[in-house]
Amino acid sequence: MRYIARIYRSIFGWMPFSASVTALEYCCGAVIPAAVTVICARLFEQAALALAGGAAGGLYRYAGMYLGVYLIGDLLVYVRSITLNVGVYEKGTAYFRIALYEKLSKLPLAAFEDAALLDRKERAEKAVNDETLSAVFNHSMRFFRAAAQVAGVVTTPALQMWPAAVMISRFSDSPHTVQVYIV
């Protein structure tokens, strides 16, 4: 975990704009499934009302919101893709390479006779050249986004039902009678 924190510090220190845009898109991407869940529920509710003879204006509004959420999500993914590839992977690899070679240049030449040091140097060069360090940043952000998506989808129905439960308990005449009020 300490190494991941160092990778994050390095990337946010070297490329604050690209790293921030990437993090922001992953946060917004975590909210999209919960928003789609709410919008779909309202869309189906409006469709049922329209089929029952009600006005169809709400149906069009929620259908537009549904499409809008996906369009905004795709636009954010497009922007993140550019900033991630150019800002984090390309620049990150260059900066990690510079940092590695700066550390290596401070070592005395006699230190390069040590087989263990040469092995660590080769492993570090392989990690930098294979973009492993930038990939750790990207994959850990994706993991946090997936966890937030699951949490958002799981808690969305509970958050939607909470106001209705308060209204039902507040206005019911007896604890055994359930009155439905549209919130």
N, C-alpha and C. Protein backbone atom coordinates (compact mmCIF):
# COMPACT_ATOMS: atom_id res chain seq x y z
N MET A 1 0.83 -1.20 0.00
CA MET A 1 0.00 0.00 0.00
C MET A 1 0.87 1.26 0.00
N ARG A 2 2.01 1.16 0.65
CA ARG A 2 2.93 2.30 0.71
C ARG A 2 3.43 2.64 -0.69
N TYR A 3 3.67 1.62 -1.49
CA TYR A 3 4.17 1.85 -2.85
C TYR A 3 3.09 2.47 -3.74
N ILE A 4 1.85 2.06 -3.55
CA ILE A 4 0.76 2.65 -4.32
C ILE A 4 0.60 4.12 -3.96
N ALA A 5 0.74 4.44 -2.67
CA ALA A 5 0.67 5.84 -2.26
C ALA A 5 1.81 6.65 -2.88
N ARG A 6 3.00 6.07 -2.98
CA ARG A 6 4.12 6.77 -3.63
C ARG A 6 3.85 6.98 -5.12
N ILE A 7 3.24 6.00 -5.77
CA ILE A 7 2.90 6.15 -7.18
C ILE A 7 1.88 7.27 -7.35
N TYR A 8 0.86 7.30 -6.49
CA TYR A 8 -0.14 8.36 -6.55
C TYR A 8 0.49 9.73 -6.32
N ARG A 9 1.35 9.84 -5.31
CA ARG A 9 2.03 11.12 -5.04
C ARG A 9 2.85 11.56 -6.25
N SER A 10 3.55 10.63 -6.84
CA SER A 10 4.37 10.98 -8.00
C SER A 10 3.53 11.43 -9.17
N ILE A 11 2.48 10.69 -9.48
CA ILE A 11 1.65 11.03 -10.63
C ILE A 11 0.91 12.34 -10.40
N PHE A 12 0.33 12.53 -9.21
CA PHE A 12 -0.36 13.79 -8.94
C PHE A 12 0.62 14.96 -8.84
N GLY A 13 1.87 14.70 -8.46
CA GLY A 13 2.87 15.76 -8.40
C GLY A 13 3.38 16.16 -9.76
N TRP A 14 3.59 15.19 -10.64
CA TRP A 14 4.14 15.46 -11.96
C TRP A 14 3.08 15.93 -12.95
N MET A 15 1.90 15.33 -12.88
CA MET A 15 0.84 15.62 -13.86
C MET A 15 -0.48 15.86 -13.14
N PRO A 16 -0.61 16.98 -12.42
CA PRO A 16 -1.82 17.18 -11.61
C PRO A 16 -3.09 17.29 -12.45
N PHE A 17 -3.02 17.92 -13.61
CA PHE A 17 -4.23 18.09 -14.42
C PHE A 17 -4.72 16.74 -14.95
N SER A 18 -3.83 15.97 -15.55
CA SER A 18 -4.24 14.67 -16.12
C SER A 18 -4.72 13.72 -15.05
N ALA A 19 -4.01 13.70 -13.93
CA ALA A 19 -4.42 12.80 -12.85
C ALA A 19 -5.76 13.23 -12.25
N SER A 20 -5.98 14.53 -12.13
CA SER A 20 -7.24 15.02 -11.58
C SER A 20 -8.41 14.75 -12.52
N VAL A 21 -8.20 14.95 -13.81
CA VAL A 21 -9.27 14.66 -14.79
C VAL A 21 -9.60 13.18 -14.78
N THR A 22 -8.58 12.35 -14.69
CA THR A 22 -8.80 10.90 -14.64
C THR A 22 -9.58 10.52 -13.38
N ALA A 23 -9.17 11.06 -12.25
CA ALA A 23 -9.86 10.75 -10.98
C ALA A 23 -11.30 11.27 -11.01
N LEU A 24 -11.50 12.47 -11.55
CA LEU A 24 -12.83 13.05 -11.62
C LEU A 24 -13.75 12.21 -12.52
N GLU A 25 -13.23 11.74 -13.64
CA GLU A 25 -14.05 10.92 -14.52
C GLU A 25 -14.40 9.60 -13.87
N TYR A 26 -13.45 9.02 -13.16
CA TYR A 26 -13.76 7.77 -12.47
C TYR A 26 -14.80 7.98 -11.38
N CYS A 27 -14.76 9.12 -10.70
CA CYS A 27 -15.79 9.42 -9.69
C CYS A 27 -17.15 9.63 -10.35
N CYS A 28 -17.18 10.38 -11.45
CA CYS A 28 -18.44 10.58 -12.17
C CYS A 28 -18.95 9.26 -12.74
N GLY A 29 -18.03 8.43 -13.22
CA GLY A 29 -18.42 7.12 -13.75
C GLY A 29 -19.00 6.22 -12.68
N ALA A 30 -18.62 6.46 -11.44
CA ALA A 30 -19.17 5.66 -10.34
C ALA A 30 -20.61 6.03 -10.04
N VAL A 31 -21.01 7.26 -10.36
CA VAL A 31 -22.36 7.73 -10.07
C VAL A 31 -23.35 7.33 -11.17
N ILE A 32 -22.85 7.11 -12.36
CA ILE A 32 -23.73 6.85 -13.50
C ILE A 32 -24.65 5.64 -13.31
N PRO A 33 -24.18 4.48 -12.82
CA PRO A 33 -25.14 3.37 -12.65
C PRO A 33 -26.26 3.67 -11.67
N ALA A 34 -25.96 4.39 -10.59
CA ALA A 34 -27.01 4.76 -9.64
C ALA A 34 -27.99 5.74 -10.28
N ALA A 35 -27.47 6.70 -11.07
CA ALA A 35 -28.35 7.65 -11.75
C ALA A 35 -29.23 6.94 -12.77
N VAL A 36 -28.67 6.00 -13.50
CA VAL A 36 -29.44 5.25 -14.48
C VAL A 36 -30.51 4.41 -13.78
N THR A 37 -30.20 3.87 -12.62
CA THR A 37 -31.18 3.10 -11.86
C THR A 37 -32.38 3.96 -11.49
N VAL A 38 -32.11 5.16 -10.99
CA VAL A 38 -33.20 6.08 -10.60
C VAL A 38 -33.99 6.52 -11.83
N ILE A 39 -33.28 6.89 -12.88
CA ILE A 39 -33.96 7.37 -14.09
C ILE A 39 -34.81 6.26 -14.71
N CYS A 40 -34.30 5.03 -14.74
CA CYS A 40 -35.07 3.90 -15.30
C CYS A 40 -36.33 3.64 -14.49
N ALA A 41 -36.21 3.72 -13.18
CA ALA A 41 -37.40 3.51 -12.34
C ALA A 41 -38.45 4.57 -12.64
N ARG A 42 -38.03 5.82 -12.74
CA ARG A 42 -38.98 6.89 -13.06
C ARG A 42 -39.49 6.77 -14.49
N LEU A 43 -38.65 6.33 -15.40
CA LEU A 43 -39.07 6.15 -16.80
C LEU A 43 -40.16 5.09 -16.90
N PHE A 44 -39.97 3.97 -16.21
CA PHE A 44 -40.99 2.92 -16.23
C PHE A 44 -42.27 3.38 -15.53
N GLU A 45 -42.13 4.18 -14.49
CA GLU A 45 -43.29 4.72 -13.81
C GLU A 45 -44.08 5.63 -14.75
N GLN A 46 -43.37 6.50 -15.48
CA GLN A 46 -44.03 7.40 -16.42
C GLN A 46 -44.63 6.62 -17.59
N ALA A 47 -43.97 5.54 -18.02
CA ALA A 47 -44.52 4.71 -19.09
C ALA A 47 -45.82 4.06 -18.65
N ALA A 48 -45.87 3.59 -17.41
CA ALA A 48 -47.10 2.99 -16.89
C ALA A 48 -48.22 4.02 -16.81
N LEU A 49 -47.87 5.24 -16.40
CA LEU A 49 -48.88 6.30 -16.35
C LEU A 49 -49.37 6.67 -17.76
N ALA A 50 -48.46 6.71 -18.72
CA ALA A 50 -48.85 7.03 -20.10
C ALA A 50 -49.73 5.93 -20.68
N LEU A 51 -49.43 4.67 -20.37
CA LEU A 51 -50.26 3.57 -20.86
C LEU A 51 -51.64 3.57 -20.21
N ALA A 52 -51.71 4.11 -19.01
CA ALA A 52 -53.00 4.18 -18.31
C ALA A 52 -53.82 5.38 -18.77
N GLY A 53 -53.30 6.16 -19.70
CA GLY A 53 -54.07 7.28 -20.24
C GLY A 53 -53.59 8.63 -19.74
N GLY A 54 -52.52 8.68 -19.01
CA GLY A 54 -51.99 9.95 -18.49
C GLY A 54 -51.16 10.67 -19.55
N ALA A 55 -50.62 11.78 -19.13
CA ALA A 55 -49.80 12.59 -20.04
C ALA A 55 -48.46 11.89 -20.28
N ALA A 56 -47.93 12.06 -21.48
CA ALA A 56 -46.68 11.40 -21.85
C ALA A 56 -45.47 12.33 -21.73
N GLY A 57 -45.66 13.54 -21.23
CA GLY A 57 -44.56 14.49 -21.12
C GLY A 57 -43.43 14.01 -20.23
N GLY A 58 -43.78 13.41 -19.11
CA GLY A 58 -42.76 12.87 -18.20
C GLY A 58 -41.99 11.73 -18.81
N LEU A 59 -42.66 10.96 -19.66
CA LEU A 59 -42.00 9.84 -20.33
C LEU A 59 -40.89 10.34 -21.23
N TYR A 60 -41.17 11.40 -21.98
CA TYR A 60 -40.15 11.96 -22.88
C TYR A 60 -39.01 12.60 -22.08
N ARG A 61 -39.36 13.24 -20.98
CA ARG A 61 -38.34 13.88 -20.16
C ARG A 61 -37.37 12.83 -19.60
N TYR A 62 -37.87 11.74 -19.05
CA TYR A 62 -36.99 10.73 -18.48
C TYR A 62 -36.26 9.94 -19.56
N ALA A 63 -36.86 9.77 -20.73
CA ALA A 63 -36.15 9.13 -21.84
C ALA A 63 -34.98 10.01 -22.29
N GLY A 64 -35.22 11.33 -22.35
CA GLY A 64 -34.14 12.26 -22.67
C GLY A 64 -33.05 12.27 -21.61
N MET A 65 -33.44 12.19 -20.35
CA MET A 65 -32.44 12.14 -19.28
C MET A 65 -31.63 10.86 -19.37
N TYR A 66 -32.28 9.76 -19.69
CA TYR A 66 -31.59 8.48 -19.83
C TYR A 66 -30.53 8.56 -20.92
N LEU A 67 -30.91 9.09 -22.08
CA LEU A 67 -29.94 9.24 -23.16
C LEU A 67 -28.86 10.26 -22.80
N GLY A 68 -29.24 11.34 -22.12
CA GLY A 68 -28.28 12.36 -21.72
C GLY A 68 -27.22 11.84 -20.77
N VAL A 69 -27.62 10.99 -19.83
CA VAL A 69 -26.65 10.42 -18.90
C VAL A 69 -25.62 9.59 -19.65
N TYR A 70 -26.07 8.80 -20.59
CA TYR A 70 -25.12 7.99 -21.35
C TYR A 70 -24.24 8.83 -22.27
N LEU A 71 -24.81 9.88 -22.88
CA LEU A 71 -23.99 10.75 -23.73
C LEU A 71 -22.93 11.49 -22.91
N ILE A 72 -23.31 12.00 -21.77
CA ILE A 72 -22.35 12.69 -20.90
C ILE A 72 -21.29 11.70 -20.41
N GLY A 73 -21.73 10.51 -20.04
CA GLY A 73 -20.78 9.48 -19.61
C GLY A 73 -19.78 9.13 -20.70
N ASP A 74 -20.26 8.98 -21.94
CA ASP A 74 -19.36 8.66 -23.05
C ASP A 74 -18.40 9.81 -23.36
N LEU A 75 -18.89 11.04 -23.24
CA LEU A 75 -18.02 12.20 -23.45
C LEU A 75 -16.93 12.25 -22.37
N LEU A 76 -17.29 11.99 -21.13
CA LEU A 76 -16.30 11.96 -20.05
C LEU A 76 -15.28 10.84 -20.26
N VAL A 77 -15.72 9.70 -20.73
CA VAL A 77 -14.80 8.59 -21.01
C VAL A 77 -13.83 8.97 -22.12
N TYR A 78 -14.33 9.67 -23.13
CA TYR A 78 -13.47 10.12 -24.23
C TYR A 78 -12.39 11.07 -23.72
N VAL A 79 -12.77 12.04 -22.91
CA VAL A 79 -11.81 13.00 -22.36
C VAL A 79 -10.81 12.28 -21.44
N ARG A 80 -11.32 11.38 -20.61
CA ARG A 80 -10.43 10.64 -19.72
C ARG A 80 -9.45 9.78 -20.50
N SER A 81 -9.91 9.19 -21.57
CA SER A 81 -9.05 8.35 -22.38
C SER A 81 -7.86 9.14 -22.92
N ILE A 82 -8.12 10.35 -23.39
CA ILE A 82 -7.04 11.18 -23.91
C ILE A 82 -6.09 11.58 -22.79
N THR A 83 -6.64 12.08 -21.69
CA THR A 83 -5.76 12.53 -20.60
C THR A 83 -5.02 11.37 -19.96
N LEU A 84 -5.65 10.20 -19.90
CA LEU A 84 -4.99 9.04 -19.30
C LEU A 84 -3.84 8.56 -20.18
N ASN A 85 -4.08 8.44 -21.47
CA ASN A 85 -3.03 7.94 -22.36
C ASN A 85 -1.88 8.93 -22.51
N VAL A 86 -2.22 10.19 -22.75
CA VAL A 86 -1.17 11.19 -22.96
C VAL A 86 -0.58 11.65 -21.64
N GLY A 87 -1.43 11.99 -20.70
CA GLY A 87 -0.95 12.59 -19.46
C GLY A 87 -0.37 11.63 -18.47
N VAL A 88 -1.02 10.49 -18.27
CA VAL A 88 -0.58 9.57 -17.23
C VAL A 88 0.39 8.53 -17.79
N TYR A 89 0.01 7.85 -18.86
CA TYR A 89 0.87 6.78 -19.38
C TYR A 89 2.14 7.34 -20.04
N GLU A 90 1.99 8.24 -21.00
CA GLU A 90 3.16 8.73 -21.73
C GLU A 90 4.05 9.61 -20.84
N LYS A 91 3.46 10.64 -20.25
CA LYS A 91 4.25 11.52 -19.39
C LYS A 91 4.73 10.79 -18.15
N GLY A 92 3.86 9.96 -17.59
CA GLY A 92 4.24 9.22 -16.38
C GLY A 92 5.43 8.32 -16.61
N THR A 93 5.43 7.62 -17.74
CA THR A 93 6.57 6.76 -18.06
C THR A 93 7.84 7.58 -18.22
N ALA A 94 7.72 8.73 -18.87
CA ALA A 94 8.90 9.58 -19.04
C ALA A 94 9.41 10.10 -17.70
N TYR A 95 8.52 10.55 -16.85
CA TYR A 95 8.95 11.07 -15.55
C TYR A 95 9.50 9.96 -14.64
N PHE A 96 8.87 8.78 -14.68
CA PHE A 96 9.41 7.67 -13.88
C PHE A 96 10.80 7.27 -14.39
N ARG A 97 10.97 7.31 -15.70
CA ARG A 97 12.27 6.99 -16.28
C ARG A 97 13.32 8.03 -15.84
N ILE A 98 12.97 9.29 -15.87
CA ILE A 98 13.89 10.35 -15.43
C ILE A 98 14.24 10.16 -13.96
N ALA A 99 13.25 9.89 -13.14
CA ALA A 99 13.50 9.69 -11.70
C ALA A 99 14.41 8.49 -11.46
N LEU A 100 14.19 7.41 -12.20
CA LEU A 100 15.03 6.22 -12.06
C LEU A 100 16.47 6.52 -12.44
N TYR A 101 16.66 7.18 -13.56
CA TYR A 101 18.02 7.45 -14.01
C TYR A 101 18.71 8.50 -13.15
N GLU A 102 17.96 9.40 -12.55
CA GLU A 102 18.56 10.34 -11.60
C GLU A 102 19.09 9.60 -10.38
N LYS A 103 18.31 8.63 -9.90
CA LYS A 103 18.77 7.83 -8.75
C LYS A 103 20.00 7.00 -9.12
N LEU A 104 19.95 6.43 -10.32
CA LEU A 104 21.09 5.60 -10.74
C LEU A 104 22.36 6.45 -10.94
N SER A 105 22.20 7.68 -11.37
CA SER A 105 23.37 8.53 -11.60
C SER A 105 24.06 8.94 -10.30
N LYS A 106 23.36 8.86 -9.19
CA LYS A 106 23.94 9.23 -7.90
C LYS A 106 24.73 8.08 -7.28
N LEU A 107 24.61 6.89 -7.82
CA LEU A 107 25.34 5.75 -7.28
C LEU A 107 26.78 5.76 -7.77
N PRO A 108 27.70 5.31 -6.93
CA PRO A 108 29.09 5.20 -7.39
C PRO A 108 29.21 4.05 -8.40
N LEU A 109 30.19 4.14 -9.29
CA LEU A 109 30.35 3.12 -10.33
C LEU A 109 30.63 1.75 -9.75
N ALA A 110 31.26 1.69 -8.60
CA ALA A 110 31.56 0.40 -7.98
C ALA A 110 30.29 -0.33 -7.55
N ALA A 111 29.23 0.41 -7.32
CA ALA A 111 27.97 -0.22 -6.89
C ALA A 111 27.37 -1.07 -8.00
N PHE A 112 27.71 -0.77 -9.25
CA PHE A 112 27.16 -1.53 -10.37
C PHE A 112 27.82 -2.90 -10.54
N GLU A 113 28.80 -3.21 -9.71
CA GLU A 113 29.42 -4.54 -9.71
C GLU A 113 28.57 -5.55 -8.93
N ASP A 114 27.66 -5.03 -8.10
CA ASP A 114 26.82 -5.88 -7.26
C ASP A 114 25.69 -6.48 -8.10
N ALA A 115 25.57 -7.80 -8.08
CA ALA A 115 24.55 -8.48 -8.88
C ALA A 115 23.15 -8.17 -8.38
N ALA A 116 22.96 -8.01 -7.08
CA ALA A 116 21.64 -7.71 -6.53
C ALA A 116 21.18 -6.32 -6.99
N LEU A 117 22.10 -5.36 -7.01
CA LEU A 117 21.75 -4.02 -7.47
C LEU A 117 21.39 -4.04 -8.96
N LEU A 118 22.15 -4.76 -9.75
CA LEU A 118 21.83 -4.85 -11.17
C LEU A 118 20.48 -5.53 -11.41
N ASP A 119 20.17 -6.51 -10.60
CA ASP A 119 18.87 -7.17 -10.71
C ASP A 119 17.74 -6.19 -10.38
N ARG A 120 17.88 -5.42 -9.30
CA ARG A 120 16.88 -4.42 -8.93
C ARG A 120 16.76 -3.35 -10.01
N LYS A 121 17.90 -2.95 -10.59
CA LYS A 121 17.90 -1.94 -11.66
C LYS A 121 17.13 -2.47 -12.87
N GLU A 122 17.37 -3.71 -13.24
CA GLU A 122 16.67 -4.30 -14.39
C GLU A 122 15.18 -4.42 -14.12
N ARG A 123 14.81 -4.82 -12.91
CA ARG A 123 13.39 -4.92 -12.57
C ARG A 123 12.72 -3.55 -12.57
N ALA A 124 13.43 -2.53 -12.07
CA ALA A 124 12.88 -1.17 -12.07
C ALA A 124 12.73 -0.66 -13.50
N GLU A 125 13.73 -0.89 -14.35
CA GLU A 125 13.63 -0.47 -15.75
C GLU A 125 12.48 -1.18 -16.46
N LYS A 126 12.32 -2.46 -16.16
CA LYS A 126 11.22 -3.22 -16.79
C LYS A 126 9.87 -2.66 -16.34
N ALA A 127 9.74 -2.33 -15.05
CA ALA A 127 8.48 -1.77 -14.54
C ALA A 127 8.19 -0.42 -15.18
N VAL A 128 9.22 0.39 -15.36
CA VAL A 128 9.02 1.70 -15.97
C VAL A 128 8.71 1.56 -17.46
N ASN A 129 9.47 0.77 -18.17
CA ASN A 129 9.30 0.65 -19.62
C ASN A 129 8.01 -0.07 -20.01
N ASP A 130 7.55 -0.98 -19.17
CA ASP A 130 6.29 -1.69 -19.44
C ASP A 130 5.07 -0.91 -18.96
N GLU A 131 5.29 0.31 -18.47
CA GLU A 131 4.24 1.19 -17.95
C GLU A 131 3.47 0.56 -16.81
N THR A 132 4.13 -0.27 -16.03
CA THR A 132 3.49 -0.94 -14.90
C THR A 132 3.06 0.06 -13.84
N LEU A 133 3.88 1.06 -13.58
CA LEU A 133 3.57 2.02 -12.52
C LEU A 133 2.35 2.87 -12.88
N SER A 134 2.26 3.29 -14.13
CA SER A 134 1.08 4.04 -14.58
C SER A 134 -0.15 3.15 -14.58
N ALA A 135 0.04 1.88 -14.91
CA ALA A 135 -1.08 0.94 -14.92
C ALA A 135 -1.59 0.68 -13.50
N VAL A 136 -0.69 0.70 -12.51
CA VAL A 136 -1.13 0.53 -11.12
C VAL A 136 -2.08 1.67 -10.75
N PHE A 137 -1.72 2.89 -11.14
CA PHE A 137 -2.60 4.05 -10.90
C PHE A 137 -3.96 3.84 -11.56
N ASN A 138 -3.96 3.49 -12.83
CA ASN A 138 -5.20 3.33 -13.57
C ASN A 138 -6.05 2.19 -13.00
N HIS A 139 -5.45 1.05 -12.74
CA HIS A 139 -6.23 -0.11 -12.28
C HIS A 139 -6.75 0.08 -10.85
N SER A 140 -5.99 0.76 -10.01
CA SER A 140 -6.50 1.01 -8.67
C SER A 140 -7.66 2.00 -8.71
N MET A 141 -7.59 2.98 -9.61
CA MET A 141 -8.72 3.91 -9.76
C MET A 141 -9.95 3.17 -10.29
N ARG A 142 -9.74 2.24 -11.21
CA ARG A 142 -10.85 1.44 -11.72
C ARG A 142 -11.46 0.57 -10.63
N PHE A 143 -10.63 0.04 -9.75
CA PHE A 143 -11.13 -0.77 -8.64
C PHE A 143 -12.00 0.08 -7.71
N PHE A 144 -11.53 1.29 -7.37
CA PHE A 144 -12.31 2.16 -6.49
C PHE A 144 -13.62 2.57 -7.17
N ARG A 145 -13.59 2.81 -8.49
CA ARG A 145 -14.82 3.15 -9.21
C ARG A 145 -15.80 1.99 -9.16
N ALA A 146 -15.32 0.77 -9.37
CA ALA A 146 -16.22 -0.39 -9.34
C ALA A 146 -16.84 -0.58 -7.96
N ALA A 147 -16.06 -0.38 -6.92
CA ALA A 147 -16.59 -0.49 -5.56
C ALA A 147 -17.65 0.59 -5.30
N ALA A 148 -17.39 1.80 -5.78
CA ALA A 148 -18.37 2.88 -5.60
C ALA A 148 -19.63 2.63 -6.43
N GLN A 149 -19.48 2.03 -7.61
CA GLN A 149 -20.65 1.70 -8.43
C GLN A 149 -21.53 0.69 -7.73
N VAL A 150 -20.93 -0.34 -7.18
CA VAL A 150 -21.71 -1.36 -6.48
C VAL A 150 -22.40 -0.75 -5.26
N ALA A 151 -21.67 0.05 -4.51
CA ALA A 151 -22.26 0.69 -3.33
C ALA A 151 -23.40 1.63 -3.73
N GLY A 152 -23.23 2.36 -4.83
CA GLY A 152 -24.27 3.28 -5.28
C GLY A 152 -25.53 2.56 -5.72
N VAL A 153 -25.38 1.48 -6.47
CA VAL A 153 -26.54 0.74 -6.94
C VAL A 153 -27.24 0.03 -5.79
N VAL A 154 -26.48 -0.46 -4.83
CA VAL A 154 -27.08 -1.16 -3.69
C VAL A 154 -27.83 -0.19 -2.78
N THR A 155 -27.27 1.00 -2.57
CA THR A 155 -27.91 1.94 -1.64
C THR A 155 -28.98 2.81 -2.28
N THR A 156 -29.05 2.88 -3.61
CA THR A 156 -30.03 3.73 -4.28
C THR A 156 -31.47 3.36 -3.92
N PRO A 157 -31.87 2.09 -3.98
CA PRO A 157 -33.26 1.79 -3.60
C PRO A 157 -33.56 2.14 -2.14
N ALA A 158 -32.61 1.95 -1.26
CA ALA A 158 -32.84 2.28 0.15
C ALA A 158 -32.99 3.79 0.32
N LEU A 159 -32.20 4.57 -0.39
CA LEU A 159 -32.30 6.02 -0.30
C LEU A 159 -33.60 6.53 -0.92
N GLN A 160 -34.10 5.85 -1.95
CA GLN A 160 -35.36 6.26 -2.56
C GLN A 160 -36.54 5.89 -1.67
N MET A 161 -36.44 4.80 -0.96
CA MET A 161 -37.56 4.35 -0.13
C MET A 161 -37.63 5.09 1.20
N TRP A 162 -36.54 5.68 1.66
CA TRP A 162 -36.52 6.33 2.96
C TRP A 162 -37.56 7.44 3.09
N PRO A 163 -37.68 8.40 2.13
CA PRO A 163 -38.71 9.44 2.30
C PRO A 163 -40.12 8.86 2.29
N ALA A 164 -40.35 7.83 1.47
CA ALA A 164 -41.68 7.22 1.43
C ALA A 164 -42.00 6.54 2.75
N ALA A 165 -41.03 5.89 3.35
CA ALA A 165 -41.27 5.23 4.64
C ALA A 165 -41.57 6.26 5.72
N VAL A 166 -40.91 7.39 5.70
CA VAL A 166 -41.18 8.45 6.69
C VAL A 166 -42.58 8.99 6.49
N MET A 167 -42.98 9.21 5.24
CA MET A 167 -44.31 9.73 4.96
C MET A 167 -45.39 8.72 5.38
N ILE A 168 -45.16 7.44 5.13
CA ILE A 168 -46.14 6.42 5.49
C ILE A 168 -46.29 6.35 7.00
N SER A 169 -45.18 6.33 7.72
CA SER A 169 -45.27 6.21 9.18
C SER A 169 -45.83 7.47 9.81
N ARG A 170 -45.62 8.62 9.21
CA ARG A 170 -46.08 9.87 9.80
C ARG A 170 -47.59 10.04 9.62
N PHE A 171 -48.15 9.64 8.49
CA PHE A 171 -49.54 9.93 8.19
C PHE A 171 -50.47 8.74 8.32
N SER A 172 -49.99 7.60 8.73
CA SER A 172 -50.90 6.46 8.86
C SER A 172 -51.67 6.57 10.17
N ASP A 173 -52.92 6.10 10.16
CA ASP A 173 -53.78 6.21 11.34
C ASP A 173 -53.42 5.19 12.40
N SER A 174 -53.07 4.00 12.00
CA SER A 174 -52.68 2.98 12.96
C SER A 174 -51.44 2.28 12.43
N PRO A 175 -50.74 1.59 13.30
CA PRO A 175 -49.54 0.93 12.82
C PRO A 175 -49.83 -0.20 11.84
N HIS A 176 -51.08 -0.68 11.81
CA HIS A 176 -51.41 -1.79 10.92
C HIS A 176 -51.96 -1.32 9.59
N THR A 177 -52.26 -0.05 9.45
CA THR A 177 -52.81 0.49 8.22
C THR A 177 -51.69 1.18 7.45
N VAL A 178 -51.57 0.83 6.21
CA VAL A 178 -50.56 1.46 5.36
C VAL A 178 -51.29 2.34 4.36
N GLN A 179 -50.98 3.62 4.38
CA GLN A 179 -51.55 4.55 3.41
C GLN A 179 -50.42 4.97 2.47
N VAL A 180 -50.73 4.99 1.22
CA VAL A 180 -49.73 5.34 0.23
C VAL A 180 -49.91 6.81 -0.14
N TYR A 181 -48.86 7.56 0.00
CA TYR A 181 -48.82 8.96 -0.40
C TYR A 181 -47.73 9.13 -1.44
N ILE A 182 -48.05 9.84 -2.48
CA ILE A 182 -47.05 10.10 -3.52
C ILE A 182 -46.17 11.22 -3.04
N VAL A 183 -44.88 10.95 -3.01
CA VAL A 183 -43.93 11.93 -2.51
C VAL A 183 -43.41 12.75 -3.65
